[in-house]
């Protein structure tokens, strides 16, 4: 058979490589889409708290399967507070109070949402910290920060606080359920004017599902590439078996 001759093997091999590669990449993206959907459907917020180091490190990407998982860690409070604007508690508009903790055993800081305040004027804790809370992912795009030099940010985006903290940051943050420090700002020990209202996981904006949808679209795109490679191979085979007839030369006068 003509197409089985050695001279045509490189064309067949190129088709197999292109189709296999595009199909495999499509399956990989499809699996990522399914995994993200499964992660979004899991609720681990009521699980027992685990050590932060068993979930992620300062250098690792955010673990999607552990979104909302209770974690605990120790460290040192560093720097001052940042405030996330337009956060509501009991219908009142105010701010999330965010303070970084340099986690023991590393050189990265975890941002901790300590609570809610009606005004951005809460003293920052100092000294040793022990934090227990829910692990959360950075928020996506949002309002533009009109004044990057102040302590107020419009959304809880890790990138917005990189230049405000003298340390590398974890790729997520923790909404505190309980914490300790030399400046106590919760419970009966706190002066009434310094008491912060707690923030719960229910108050955290949902993570955008665009990333998962993007994985599905990438999978479809790769499969389209595989189909196109197969189409080109079929056309090549057809043209090889039935080459187009060359036009007859016109008679000379």
Protein backbone atom coordinates (compact mmCIF):
# COMPACT_ATOMS: atom_id res chain seq x y z
CA UNK A 1 0.00 0.00 0.00
CA UNK A 2 1.35 3.42 -0.99
CA UNK A 3 0.87 5.13 2.41
CA UNK A 4 2.79 2.37 4.23
CA UNK A 5 6.01 3.05 2.38
CA UNK A 6 8.88 4.27 4.62
CA UNK A 7 8.96 7.63 2.89
CA UNK A 8 5.52 8.44 4.37
CA UNK A 9 6.25 7.30 7.94
CA UNK A 10 7.38 10.75 9.18
CA UNK A 11 3.98 12.18 8.20
CA UNK A 12 2.11 9.45 10.08
CA UNK A 13 4.39 9.84 13.09
CA UNK A 14 3.88 13.61 13.18
CA UNK A 15 0.11 13.11 13.17
CA UNK A 16 0.27 10.57 16.04
CA UNK A 17 2.48 12.84 18.14
CA UNK A 18 0.29 15.93 17.60
CA UNK A 19 -2.98 14.10 18.28
CA UNK A 20 -1.64 12.28 21.35
CA UNK A 21 -0.09 15.45 22.81
CA UNK A 22 -3.18 17.62 22.26
CA UNK A 23 -5.52 14.90 23.55
CA UNK A 24 -3.39 14.36 26.66
CA UNK A 25 -3.20 18.07 27.44
CA UNK A 26 -6.95 18.32 26.99
CA UNK A 27 -7.51 15.46 29.45
CA UNK A 28 -5.15 17.13 31.91
CA UNK A 29 -7.09 20.41 31.77
CA UNK A 30 -10.40 18.53 32.01
CA UNK A 31 -9.17 16.73 35.13
CA UNK A 32 -8.11 20.08 36.62
CA UNK A 33 -11.61 21.42 35.91
CA UNK A 34 -13.24 18.46 37.67
CA UNK A 35 -10.85 18.74 40.62
CA UNK A 36 -11.63 22.44 41.10
CA UNK A 37 -15.36 21.72 40.97
CA UNK A 38 -14.99 18.98 43.58
CA UNK A 39 -12.89 21.26 45.78
CA UNK A 40 -15.51 24.02 45.60
CA UNK A 41 -18.22 21.57 46.67
CA UNK A 42 -16.31 20.40 49.77
CA UNK A 43 -16.95 22.07 53.13
CA UNK A 44 -14.04 21.56 55.51
CA UNK A 45 -14.74 24.61 57.68
CA UNK A 46 -16.06 22.44 60.53
CA UNK A 47 -13.12 20.03 60.52
CA UNK A 48 -10.66 20.06 63.45
CA UNK A 49 -7.84 22.58 63.11
CA UNK A 50 -4.58 21.24 61.70
CA UNK A 51 -1.08 22.70 61.74
CA UNK A 52 -0.59 25.23 58.95
CA UNK A 53 2.67 23.55 57.93
CA UNK A 54 0.80 20.35 57.03
CA UNK A 55 -1.36 22.28 54.55
CA UNK A 56 0.99 24.78 52.92
CA UNK A 57 4.29 26.61 53.26
CA UNK A 58 5.29 30.15 52.45
CA UNK A 59 6.54 29.07 49.03
CA UNK A 60 3.67 26.81 47.96
CA UNK A 61 0.65 27.81 45.86
CA UNK A 62 -2.70 28.02 47.58
CA UNK A 63 -4.11 24.52 48.20
CA UNK A 64 -7.58 24.68 46.69
CA UNK A 65 -8.74 21.50 48.45
CA UNK A 66 -8.13 23.20 51.81
CA UNK A 67 -10.14 26.36 51.18
CA UNK A 68 -11.90 27.17 54.46
CA UNK A 69 -9.99 24.56 56.46
CA UNK A 70 -9.28 25.48 60.12
CA UNK A 71 -5.53 25.82 60.71
CA UNK A 72 -3.36 26.79 63.63
CA UNK A 73 0.13 28.27 63.79
CA UNK A 74 2.51 30.28 65.96
CA UNK A 75 4.67 33.26 65.11
CA UNK A 76 5.31 36.92 65.78
CA UNK A 77 3.11 39.89 64.99
CA UNK A 78 4.94 42.23 62.62
CA UNK A 79 4.14 45.66 61.20
CA UNK A 80 0.89 47.52 61.55
CA UNK A 81 -2.66 46.89 60.48
CA UNK A 82 -4.18 47.06 57.05
CA UNK A 83 -7.90 47.61 56.57
CA UNK A 84 -10.19 46.12 53.95
CA UNK A 85 -12.95 48.61 53.18
CA UNK A 86 -16.68 48.06 52.67
CA UNK A 87 -17.11 45.01 54.91
CA UNK A 88 -20.43 44.56 56.68
CA UNK A 89 -21.38 43.11 60.05
CA UNK A 90 -25.01 43.13 61.16
CA UNK A 91 -25.81 45.57 58.37
CA UNK A 92 -23.13 48.05 59.45
CA UNK A 93 -20.39 49.16 57.09
CA UNK A 94 -16.82 49.02 58.31
CA UNK A 95 -13.42 47.41 57.86
CA UNK A 96 -11.68 44.10 58.21
CA UNK A 97 -8.61 44.52 60.39
CA UNK A 98 -5.66 42.62 58.89
CA UNK A 99 -2.32 42.07 60.64
CA UNK A 100 0.61 39.95 59.40
CA UNK A 101 2.21 37.20 61.48
CA UNK A 102 5.74 36.01 60.73
CA UNK A 103 5.21 32.26 61.01
CA UNK A 104 7.66 30.30 63.16
CA UNK A 105 10.05 28.09 61.23
CA UNK A 106 10.11 30.21 58.06
CA UNK A 107 10.62 33.65 56.63
CA UNK A 108 7.09 34.25 55.31
CA UNK A 109 4.19 36.06 56.94
CA UNK A 110 0.56 35.01 57.05
CA UNK A 111 -2.05 37.75 56.82
CA UNK A 112 -4.61 37.40 59.60
CA UNK A 113 -8.07 38.97 59.55
CA UNK A 114 -8.45 39.66 63.27
CA UNK A 115 -11.98 41.02 63.13
CA UNK A 116 -14.27 43.85 62.04
CA UNK A 117 -14.11 47.49 63.13
CA UNK A 118 -16.30 50.48 62.25
CA UNK A 119 -13.19 52.67 61.86
CA UNK A 120 -9.65 52.04 60.58
CA UNK A 121 -7.95 53.04 63.84
CA UNK A 122 -7.34 49.81 65.76
CA UNK A 123 -4.02 49.25 67.64
CA UNK A 124 -1.91 46.44 66.22
CA UNK A 125 -0.87 43.54 68.46
CA UNK A 126 2.80 42.85 69.18
CA UNK A 127 4.89 40.01 70.52
CA UNK A 128 4.28 36.32 70.13
CA UNK A 129 1.17 35.13 68.35
CA UNK A 130 -0.83 31.93 68.36
CA UNK A 131 -3.58 31.93 65.74
CA UNK A 132 -6.40 29.54 64.97
CA UNK A 133 -8.65 30.33 62.05
CA UNK A 134 -9.99 29.46 58.61
CA UNK A 135 -7.64 29.39 55.62
CA UNK A 136 -8.88 31.52 52.72
CA UNK A 137 -7.76 32.33 49.16
CA UNK A 138 -6.91 35.81 47.93
CA UNK A 139 -9.78 37.70 46.38
CA UNK A 140 -9.82 38.31 42.65
CA UNK A 141 -10.04 41.56 40.75
CA UNK A 142 -12.03 44.35 42.31
CA UNK A 143 -12.16 48.12 42.74
CA UNK A 144 -9.00 50.08 41.98
CA UNK A 145 -6.98 51.20 45.01
CA UNK A 146 -7.08 54.96 44.61
CA UNK A 147 -4.44 55.58 47.28
CA UNK A 148 -1.87 52.74 47.52
CA UNK A 149 0.09 54.68 50.16
CA UNK A 150 -2.53 54.46 52.91
CA UNK A 151 -3.51 51.49 55.08
CA UNK A 152 -6.91 50.90 53.44
CA UNK A 153 -7.37 48.50 50.53
CA UNK A 154 -10.60 47.89 48.59
CA UNK A 155 -10.38 44.06 48.46
CA UNK A 156 -8.58 41.33 50.35
CA UNK A 157 -5.94 40.74 47.67
CA UNK A 158 -2.54 39.43 48.75
CA UNK A 159 -0.85 41.42 45.97
CA UNK A 160 -2.22 44.67 47.42
CA UNK A 161 -0.32 44.10 50.66
CA UNK A 162 3.03 42.86 49.34
CA UNK A 163 4.61 46.32 49.51
CA UNK A 164 3.11 47.03 52.94
CA UNK A 165 4.75 44.08 54.72
CA UNK A 166 8.52 43.68 55.21
CA UNK A 167 8.39 39.95 54.53
CA UNK A 168 7.32 37.47 51.91
CA UNK A 169 3.64 36.58 52.15
CA UNK A 170 1.77 33.30 52.05
CA UNK A 171 -0.47 32.86 49.01
CA UNK A 172 -3.56 32.91 51.22
CA UNK A 173 -4.80 34.45 54.45
CA UNK A 174 -6.48 33.33 57.66
CA UNK A 175 -9.73 34.59 59.16
CA UNK A 176 -9.02 34.35 62.87
CA UNK A 177 -11.26 32.39 65.18
CA UNK A 178 -8.94 32.99 68.14
CA UNK A 179 -5.52 34.57 68.56
CA UNK A 180 -3.16 35.90 71.19
CA UNK A 181 -0.73 38.81 71.46
CA UNK A 182 0.44 41.45 73.88
CA UNK A 183 -2.34 43.78 72.73
CA UNK A 184 -5.52 41.87 73.49
CA UNK A 185 -8.47 43.07 71.45
CA UNK A 186 -11.09 40.41 71.95
CA UNK A 187 -13.18 38.99 74.74
CA UNK A 188 -13.83 40.43 78.18
CA UNK A 189 -10.21 41.54 78.57
CA UNK A 190 -10.52 44.08 75.77
CA UNK A 191 -11.63 47.67 76.44
CA UNK A 192 -15.04 48.27 74.83
CA UNK A 193 -13.67 50.82 72.36
CA UNK A 194 -11.04 48.33 71.11
CA UNK A 195 -13.23 45.23 70.85
CA UNK A 196 -13.39 43.76 67.35
CA UNK A 197 -16.43 41.95 66.09
CA UNK A 198 -15.59 38.46 64.82
CA UNK A 199 -15.49 37.65 61.12
CA UNK A 200 -16.78 34.21 60.12
CA UNK A 201 -16.28 32.20 56.91
CA UNK A 202 -19.82 33.14 55.90
CA UNK A 203 -18.66 36.77 55.57
CA UNK A 204 -15.86 35.88 53.14
CA UNK A 205 -16.75 36.58 49.49
CA UNK A 206 -16.93 33.37 47.42
CA UNK A 207 -13.93 32.50 45.29
CA UNK A 208 -14.48 33.15 41.60
CA UNK A 209 -15.25 30.07 39.48
CA UNK A 210 -13.61 31.60 36.42
CA UNK A 211 -10.39 29.62 36.92
CA UNK A 212 -12.25 26.31 36.77
CA UNK A 213 -14.16 27.41 33.69
CA UNK A 214 -10.89 28.44 32.08
CA UNK A 215 -9.56 24.89 32.58
CA UNK A 216 -12.60 23.49 30.77
CA UNK A 217 -12.18 25.93 27.88
CA UNK A 218 -8.50 25.02 27.60
CA UNK A 219 -9.45 21.33 27.45
CA UNK A 220 -11.88 21.99 24.59
CA UNK A 221 -9.25 24.09 22.83
CA UNK A 222 -6.68 21.28 22.97
CA UNK A 223 -9.19 18.78 21.61
CA UNK A 224 -9.95 21.13 18.73
CA UNK A 225 -6.22 21.18 17.97
CA UNK A 226 -6.19 17.36 17.99
CA UNK A 227 -9.14 17.26 15.58
CA UNK A 228 -7.44 19.78 13.31
CA UNK A 229 -4.23 17.70 13.22
CA UNK A 230 -6.28 14.63 12.30
CA UNK A 231 -8.08 16.59 9.59
CA UNK A 232 -4.76 17.75 8.09
CA UNK A 233 -3.47 14.16 8.09
CA UNK A 234 -6.60 12.87 6.33
CA UNK A 235 -6.26 15.56 3.66
CA UNK A 236 -2.58 14.71 3.21
CA UNK A 237 -3.38 11.01 2.84
CA UNK A 238 -6.10 11.73 0.29
CA UNK A 239 -3.86 14.00 -1.74
CA UNK A 240 -1.09 11.40 -1.63
CA UNK A 241 -3.35 8.64 -2.94
CA UNK A 242 -5.13 10.86 -5.44
CA UNK A 243 -2.77 13.63 -6.44
CA UNK A 244 -4.45 16.48 -8.29
CA UNK A 245 -4.14 16.25 -12.03
CA UNK A 246 -1.79 18.73 -13.60
CA UNK A 247 -3.43 20.90 -16.24
CA UNK A 248 -2.58 19.95 -19.77
CA UNK A 249 -0.30 22.46 -21.53
CA UNK A 250 -2.02 24.64 -24.02
CA UNK A 251 -1.12 23.83 -27.63
CA UNK A 252 1.34 26.19 -29.20
CA UNK A 253 0.26 28.04 -32.33
